[in-house]
Amino acid sequence: MTKIQIDLSETEDKTVEAYKLVYGLKTKQEAIKQMVKYFKVKIVPERLNKQEDYYRKALKFTEDKKWIGI
């Protein structure tokens, strides 16, 4: 389990509160957990030497996974 402290702007706070009320949730934490499920994330390293073996192996592993439907 990971705990995250988020400083929300007034608008963001109102958005989370509205989501919480619309879906009948008890806490803003529950609302944020459900809201996060709507996003897809792609992690791309910025400062990694792309010629390194571990980087090429990771890319190959990712491509292999696509073929088997994961």
PDB file of N, CA and C in Angstrom:
ATOM      1  N   MET A   1       0.847  -1.173   0.000  1.00  0.00           N
ATOM      2  CA  MET A   1       0.000   0.000   0.000  1.00  0.00           C
ATOM      3  C   MET A   1       0.894   1.238   0.000  1.00  0.00           C
ATOM      4  N   THR A   2       0.475   2.242  -0.728  1.00  0.00           N
ATOM      5  CA  THR A   2       1.217   3.487  -0.816  1.00  0.00           C
ATOM      6  C   THR A   2       0.339   4.628  -0.328  1.00  0.00           C
ATOM      7  N   LYS A   3       0.902   5.475   0.496  1.00  0.00           N
ATOM      8  CA  LYS A   3       0.188   6.661   0.961  1.00  0.00           C
ATOM      9  C   LYS A   3       0.746   7.861   0.213  1.00  0.00           C
ATOM     10  N   ILE A   4      -0.147   8.687  -0.318  1.00  0.00           N
ATOM     11  CA  ILE A   4       0.262   9.867  -1.066  1.00  0.00           C
ATOM     12  C   ILE A   4      -0.477  11.081  -0.503  1.00  0.00           C
ATOM     13  N   GLN A   5       0.262  12.132  -0.251  1.00  0.00           N
ATOM     14  CA  GLN A   5      -0.359  13.377   0.188  1.00  0.00           C
ATOM     15  C   GLN A   5      -0.395  14.312  -1.011  1.00  0.00           C
ATOM     16  N   ILE A   6      -1.599  14.797  -1.341  1.00  0.00           N
ATOM     17  CA  ILE A   6      -1.773  15.632  -2.523  1.00  0.00           C
ATOM     18  C   ILE A   6      -2.330  16.988  -2.104  1.00  0.00           C
ATOM     19  N   ASP A   7      -1.690  18.044  -2.581  1.00  0.00           N
ATOM     20  CA  ASP A   7      -2.205  19.395  -2.368  1.00  0.00           C
ATOM     21  C   ASP A   7      -3.076  19.741  -3.573  1.00  0.00           C
ATOM     22  N   LEU A   8      -4.379  19.779  -3.363  1.00  0.00           N
ATOM     23  CA  LEU A   8      -5.310  20.084  -4.449  1.00  0.00           C
ATOM     24  C   LEU A   8      -5.642  21.565  -4.450  1.00  0.00           C
ATOM     25  N   SER A   9      -5.797  22.114  -5.639  1.00  0.00           N
ATOM     26  CA  SER A   9      -6.267  23.491  -5.740  1.00  0.00           C
ATOM     27  C   SER A   9      -7.748  23.495  -5.355  1.00  0.00           C
ATOM     28  N   GLU A  10      -8.304  24.645  -5.221  1.00  0.00           N
ATOM     29  CA  GLU A  10      -9.718  24.752  -4.840  1.00  0.00           C
ATOM     30  C   GLU A  10     -10.612  24.090  -5.895  1.00  0.00           C
ATOM     31  N   THR A  11     -10.296  24.305  -7.155  1.00  0.00           N
ATOM     32  CA  THR A  11     -11.072  23.706  -8.249  1.00  0.00           C
ATOM     33  C   THR A  11     -10.949  22.184  -8.240  1.00  0.00           C
ATOM     34  N   GLU A  12      -9.727  21.685  -8.068  1.00  0.00           N
ATOM     35  CA  GLU A  12      -9.503  20.239  -8.023  1.00  0.00           C
ATOM     36  C   GLU A  12     -10.228  19.615  -6.842  1.00  0.00           C
ATOM     37  N   ASP A  13     -10.187  20.289  -5.709  1.00  0.00           N
ATOM     38  CA  ASP A  13     -10.867  19.798  -4.514  1.00  0.00           C
ATOM     39  C   ASP A  13     -12.373  19.706  -4.745  1.00  0.00           C
ATOM     40  N   LYS A  14     -12.939  20.717  -5.400  1.00  0.00           N
ATOM     41  CA  LYS A  14     -14.376  20.706  -5.706  1.00  0.00           C
ATOM     42  C   LYS A  14     -14.717  19.581  -6.679  1.00  0.00           C
ATOM     43  N   THR A  15     -13.834  19.319  -7.640  1.00  0.00           N
ATOM     44  CA  THR A  15     -14.053  18.241  -8.602  1.00  0.00           C
ATOM     45  C   THR A  15     -14.083  16.890  -7.898  1.00  0.00           C
ATOM     46  N   VAL A  16     -13.127  16.666  -7.011  1.00  0.00           N
ATOM     47  CA  VAL A  16     -13.081  15.401  -6.264  1.00  0.00           C
ATOM     48  C   VAL A  16     -14.306  15.288  -5.364  1.00  0.00           C
ATOM     49  N   GLU A  17     -14.682  16.360  -4.720  1.00  0.00           N
ATOM     50  CA  GLU A  17     -15.860  16.355  -3.837  1.00  0.00           C
ATOM     51  C   GLU A  17     -17.124  16.041  -4.632  1.00  0.00           C
ATOM     52  N   ALA A  18     -17.266  16.634  -5.812  1.00  0.00           N
ATOM     53  CA  ALA A  18     -18.435  16.367  -6.655  1.00  0.00           C
ATOM     54  C   ALA A  18     -18.461  14.906  -7.078  1.00  0.00           C
ATOM     55  N   TYR A  19     -17.324  14.362  -7.483  1.00  0.00           N
ATOM     56  CA  TYR A  19     -17.232  12.953  -7.880  1.00  0.00           C
ATOM     57  C   TYR A  19     -17.646  12.063  -6.716  1.00  0.00           C
ATOM     58  N   LYS A  20     -17.166  12.418  -5.533  1.00  0.00           N
ATOM     59  CA  LYS A  20     -17.488  11.650  -4.328  1.00  0.00           C
ATOM     60  C   LYS A  20     -18.999  11.629  -4.081  1.00  0.00           C
ATOM     61  N   LEU A  21     -19.624  12.762  -4.211  1.00  0.00           N
ATOM     62  CA  LEU A  21     -21.068  12.852  -3.964  1.00  0.00           C
ATOM     63  C   LEU A  21     -21.885  12.145  -5.044  1.00  0.00           C
ATOM     64  N   VAL A  22     -21.498  12.296  -6.301  1.00  0.00           N
ATOM     65  CA  VAL A  22     -22.226  11.682  -7.415  1.00  0.00           C
ATOM     66  C   VAL A  22     -22.228  10.162  -7.302  1.00  0.00           C
ATOM     67  N   TYR A  23     -21.087   9.596  -6.910  1.00  0.00           N
ATOM     68  CA  TYR A  23     -20.975   8.144  -6.841  1.00  0.00           C
ATOM     69  C   TYR A  23     -21.231   7.584  -5.443  1.00  0.00           C
ATOM     70  N   GLY A  24     -21.659   8.429  -4.515  1.00  0.00           N
ATOM     71  CA  GLY A  24     -22.038   7.967  -3.174  1.00  0.00           C
ATOM     72  C   GLY A  24     -20.880   7.393  -2.375  1.00  0.00           C
ATOM     73  N   LEU A  25     -19.712   7.966  -2.525  1.00  0.00           N
ATOM     74  CA  LEU A  25     -18.536   7.484  -1.807  1.00  0.00           C
ATOM     75  C   LEU A  25     -18.418   8.186  -0.463  1.00  0.00           C
ATOM     76  N   LYS A  26     -17.705   7.555   0.460  1.00  0.00           N
ATOM     77  CA  LYS A  26     -17.606   8.111   1.809  1.00  0.00           C
ATOM     78  C   LYS A  26     -16.456   9.096   1.974  1.00  0.00           C
ATOM     79  N   THR A  27     -15.370   8.887   1.242  1.00  0.00           N
ATOM     80  CA  THR A  27     -14.195   9.753   1.415  1.00  0.00           C
ATOM     81  C   THR A  27     -13.650  10.221   0.067  1.00  0.00           C
ATOM     82  N   LYS A  28     -12.864  11.284   0.133  1.00  0.00           N
ATOM     83  CA  LYS A  28     -12.191  11.776  -1.074  1.00  0.00           C
ATOM     84  C   LYS A  28     -11.134  10.768  -1.522  1.00  0.00           C
ATOM     85  N   GLN A  29     -10.580  10.037  -0.574  1.00  0.00           N
ATOM     86  CA  GLN A  29      -9.600   9.014  -0.920  1.00  0.00           C
ATOM     87  C   GLN A  29     -10.228   7.972  -1.843  1.00  0.00           C
ATOM     88  N   GLU A  30     -11.430   7.522  -1.523  1.00  0.00           N
ATOM     89  CA  GLU A  30     -12.135   6.565  -2.372  1.00  0.00           C
ATOM     90  C   GLU A  30     -12.405   7.157  -3.758  1.00  0.00           C
ATOM     91  N   ALA A  31     -12.778   8.437  -3.784  1.00  0.00           N
ATOM     92  CA  ALA A  31     -13.063   9.104  -5.051  1.00  0.00           C
ATOM     93  C   ALA A  31     -11.813   9.159  -5.931  1.00  0.00           C
ATOM     94  N   ILE A  32     -10.687   9.529  -5.347  1.00  0.00           N
ATOM     95  CA  ILE A  32      -9.449   9.627  -6.116  1.00  0.00           C
ATOM     96  C   ILE A  32      -9.020   8.248  -6.608  1.00  0.00           C
ATOM     97  N   LYS A  33      -9.186   7.216  -5.784  1.00  0.00           N
ATOM     98  CA  LYS A  33      -8.834   5.853  -6.204  1.00  0.00           C
ATOM     99  C   LYS A  33      -9.651   5.442  -7.431  1.00  0.00           C
ATOM    100  N   GLN A  34     -10.927   5.771  -7.441  1.00  0.00           N
ATOM    101  CA  GLN A  34     -11.762   5.420  -8.591  1.00  0.00           C
ATOM    102  C   GLN A  34     -11.424   6.272  -9.809  1.00  0.00           C
ATOM    103  N   MET A  35     -11.129   7.539  -9.593  1.00  0.00           N
ATOM    104  CA  MET A  35     -10.800   8.438 -10.706  1.00  0.00           C
ATOM    105  C   MET A  35      -9.519   8.001 -11.407  1.00  0.00           C
ATOM    106  N   VAL A  36      -8.559   7.497 -10.657  1.00  0.00           N
ATOM    107  CA  VAL A  36      -7.272   7.086 -11.216  1.00  0.00           C
ATOM    108  C   VAL A  36      -7.446   5.915 -12.181  1.00  0.00           C
ATOM    109  N   LYS A  37      -8.440   5.100 -11.996  1.00  0.00           N
ATOM    110  CA  LYS A  37      -8.665   3.930 -12.845  1.00  0.00           C
ATOM    111  C   LYS A  37      -8.986   4.304 -14.289  1.00  0.00           C
ATOM    112  N   TYR A  38      -9.343   5.543 -14.558  1.00  0.00           N
ATOM    113  CA  TYR A  38      -9.691   5.977 -15.902  1.00  0.00           C
ATOM    114  C   TYR A  38      -8.479   6.342 -16.754  1.00  0.00           C
ATOM    115  N   PHE A  39      -7.287   6.276 -16.196  1.00  0.00           N
ATOM    116  CA  PHE A  39      -6.084   6.693 -16.902  1.00  0.00           C
ATOM    117  C   PHE A  39      -5.213   5.502 -17.267  1.00  0.00           C
ATOM    118  N   LYS A  40      -4.548   5.600 -18.409  1.00  0.00           N
ATOM    119  CA  LYS A  40      -3.566   4.616 -18.835  1.00  0.00           C
ATOM    120  C   LYS A  40      -2.211   5.312 -18.792  1.00  0.00           C
ATOM    121  N   VAL A  41      -1.228   4.639 -18.259  1.00  0.00           N
ATOM    122  CA  VAL A  41       0.086   5.246 -18.075  1.00  0.00           C
ATOM    123  C   VAL A  41       1.124   4.495 -18.888  1.00  0.00           C
ATOM    124  N   LYS A  42       1.999   5.255 -19.534  1.00  0.00           N
ATOM    125  CA  LYS A  42       3.138   4.678 -20.227  1.00  0.00           C
ATOM    126  C   LYS A  42       4.382   5.303 -19.612  1.00  0.00           C
ATOM    127  N   ILE A  43       5.248   4.456 -19.076  1.00  0.00           N
ATOM    128  CA  ILE A  43       6.455   4.938 -18.420  1.00  0.00           C
ATOM    129  C   ILE A  43       7.598   4.895 -19.414  1.00  0.00           C
ATOM    130  N   VAL A  44       8.206   6.057 -19.638  1.00  0.00           N
ATOM    131  CA  VAL A  44       9.315   6.177 -20.577  1.00  0.00           C
ATOM    132  C   VAL A  44      10.481   6.835 -19.845  1.00  0.00           C
ATOM    133  N   PRO A  45      11.610   6.129 -19.746  1.00  0.00           N
ATOM    134  CA  PRO A  45      12.763   6.723 -19.063  1.00  0.00           C
ATOM    135  C   PRO A  45      13.323   7.904 -19.847  1.00  0.00           C
ATOM    136  N   GLU A  46      13.715   8.947 -19.141  1.00  0.00           N
ATOM    137  CA  GLU A  46      14.256  10.133 -19.790  1.00  0.00           C
ATOM    138  C   GLU A  46      15.776  10.115 -19.843  1.00  0.00           C
ATOM    139  N   ARG A  47      16.412   9.716 -18.764  1.00  0.00           N
ATOM    140  CA  ARG A  47      17.875   9.796 -18.677  1.00  0.00           C
ATOM    141  C   ARG A  47      18.496   8.405 -18.643  1.00  0.00           C
ATOM    142  N   LEU A  48      18.253   7.637 -19.668  1.00  0.00           N
ATOM    143  CA  LEU A  48      18.779   6.286 -19.728  1.00  0.00           C
ATOM    144  C   LEU A  48      19.505   6.097 -21.045  1.00  0.00           C
ATOM    145  N   ASN A  49      20.684   5.538 -20.979  1.00  0.00           N
ATOM    146  CA  ASN A  49      21.447   5.279 -22.190  1.00  0.00           C
ATOM    147  C   ASN A  49      20.760   4.154 -22.957  1.00  0.00           C
ATOM    148  N   LYS A  50      20.212   4.469 -24.099  1.00  0.00           N
ATOM    149  CA  LYS A  50      19.416   3.510 -24.858  1.00  0.00           C
ATOM    150  C   LYS A  50      20.268   2.431 -25.516  1.00  0.00           C
ATOM    151  N   GLN A  51      21.576   2.532 -25.415  1.00  0.00           N
ATOM    152  CA  GLN A  51      22.447   1.501 -25.967  1.00  0.00           C
ATOM    153  C   GLN A  51      22.793   0.427 -24.925  1.00  0.00           C
ATOM    154  N   GLU A  52      22.439   0.644 -23.688  1.00  0.00           N
ATOM    155  CA  GLU A  52      22.736  -0.322 -22.628  1.00  0.00           C
ATOM    156  C   GLU A  52      21.956  -1.607 -22.836  1.00  0.00           C
ATOM    157  N   ASP A  53      22.564  -2.727 -22.448  1.00  0.00           N
ATOM    158  CA  ASP A  53      21.928  -4.041 -22.611  1.00  0.00           C
ATOM    159  C   ASP A  53      20.594  -4.133 -21.883  1.00  0.00           C
ATOM    160  N   TYR A  54      20.549  -3.630 -20.634  1.00  0.00           N
ATOM    161  CA  TYR A  54      19.312  -3.777 -19.859  1.00  0.00           C
ATOM    162  C   TYR A  54      18.164  -3.006 -20.495  1.00  0.00           C
ATOM    163  N   TYR A  55      18.455  -1.903 -21.168  1.00  0.00           N
ATOM    164  CA  TYR A  55      17.395  -1.141 -21.832  1.00  0.00           C
ATOM    165  C   TYR A  55      16.869  -1.915 -23.041  1.00  0.00           C
ATOM    166  N   ARG A  56      17.789  -2.454 -23.845  1.00  0.00           N
ATOM    167  CA  ARG A  56      17.372  -3.221 -25.023  1.00  0.00           C
ATOM    168  C   ARG A  56      16.619  -4.479 -24.623  1.00  0.00           C
ATOM    169  N   LYS A  57      17.044  -5.137 -23.535  1.00  0.00           N
ATOM    170  CA  LYS A  57      16.344  -6.330 -23.053  1.00  0.00           C
ATOM    171  C   LYS A  57      14.944  -5.966 -22.572  1.00  0.00           C
ATOM    172  N   ALA A  58      14.810  -4.844 -21.905  1.00  0.00           N
ATOM    173  CA  ALA A  58      13.495  -4.407 -21.425  1.00  0.00           C
ATOM    174  C   ALA A  58      12.565  -4.133 -22.598  1.00  0.00           C
ATOM    175  N   LEU A  59      13.072  -3.501 -23.644  1.00  0.00           N
ATOM    176  CA  LEU A  59      12.254  -3.245 -24.824  1.00  0.00           C
ATOM    177  C   LEU A  59      11.840  -4.548 -25.496  1.00  0.00           C
ATOM    178  N   LYS A  60      12.762  -5.498 -25.593  1.00  0.00           N
ATOM    179  CA  LYS A  60      12.461  -6.786 -26.203  1.00  0.00           C
ATOM    180  C   LYS A  60      11.407  -7.512 -25.378  1.00  0.00           C
ATOM    181  N   PHE A  61      11.536  -7.465 -24.050  1.00  0.00           N
ATOM    182  CA  PHE A  61      10.566  -8.100 -23.158  1.00  0.00           C
ATOM    183  C   PHE A  61       9.183  -7.485 -23.360  1.00  0.00           C
ATOM    184  N   THR A  62       9.118  -6.183 -23.492  1.00  0.00           N
ATOM    185  CA  THR A  62       7.850  -5.496 -23.712  1.00  0.00           C
ATOM    186  C   THR A  62       7.228  -5.923 -25.034  1.00  0.00           C
ATOM    187  N   GLU A  63       8.027  -5.993 -26.076  1.00  0.00           N
ATOM    188  CA  GLU A  63       7.523  -6.406 -27.389  1.00  0.00           C
ATOM    189  C   GLU A  63       7.045  -7.851 -27.356  1.00  0.00           C
ATOM    190  N   ASP A  64       7.764  -8.726 -26.656  1.00  0.00           N
ATOM    191  CA  ASP A  64       7.353 -10.127 -26.539  1.00  0.00           C
ATOM    192  C   ASP A  64       5.999 -10.238 -25.851  1.00  0.00           C
ATOM    193  N   LYS A  65       5.760  -9.419 -24.844  1.00  0.00           N
ATOM    194  CA  LYS A  65       4.490  -9.435 -24.113  1.00  0.00           C
ATOM    195  C   LYS A  65       3.330  -9.062 -25.023  1.00  0.00           C
ATOM    196  N   LYS A  66       3.563  -8.136 -25.954  1.00  0.00           N
ATOM    197  CA  LYS A  66       2.490  -7.717 -26.859  1.00  0.00           C
ATOM    198  C   LYS A  66       2.032  -8.874 -27.727  1.00  0.00           C
ATOM    199  N   TRP A  67       2.974  -9.733 -28.116  1.00  0.00           N
ATOM    200  CA  TRP A  67       2.629 -10.868 -28.987  1.00  0.00           C
ATOM    201  C   TRP A  67       1.766 -11.891 -28.285  1.00  0.00           C
ATOM    202  N   ILE A  68       1.946 -12.066 -26.979  1.00  0.00           N
ATOM    203  CA  ILE A  68       1.166 -13.099 -26.284  1.00  0.00           C
ATOM    204  C   ILE A  68      -0.130 -12.543 -25.701  1.00  0.00           C
ATOM    205  N   GLY A  69      -0.390 -11.276 -25.952  1.00  0.00           N
ATOM    206  CA  GLY A  69      -1.670 -10.693 -25.563  1.00  0.00           C
ATOM    207  C   GLY A  69      -1.782 -10.239 -24.131  1.00  0.00           C
ATOM    208  N   ILE A  70      -0.662  -9.936 -23.493  1.00  0.00           N
ATOM    209  CA  ILE A  70      -0.735  -9.448 -22.112  1.00  0.00           C
ATOM    210  C   ILE A  70      -0.822  -7.943 -22.119  1.00  0.00           C
TER     211      ILE A  70
END
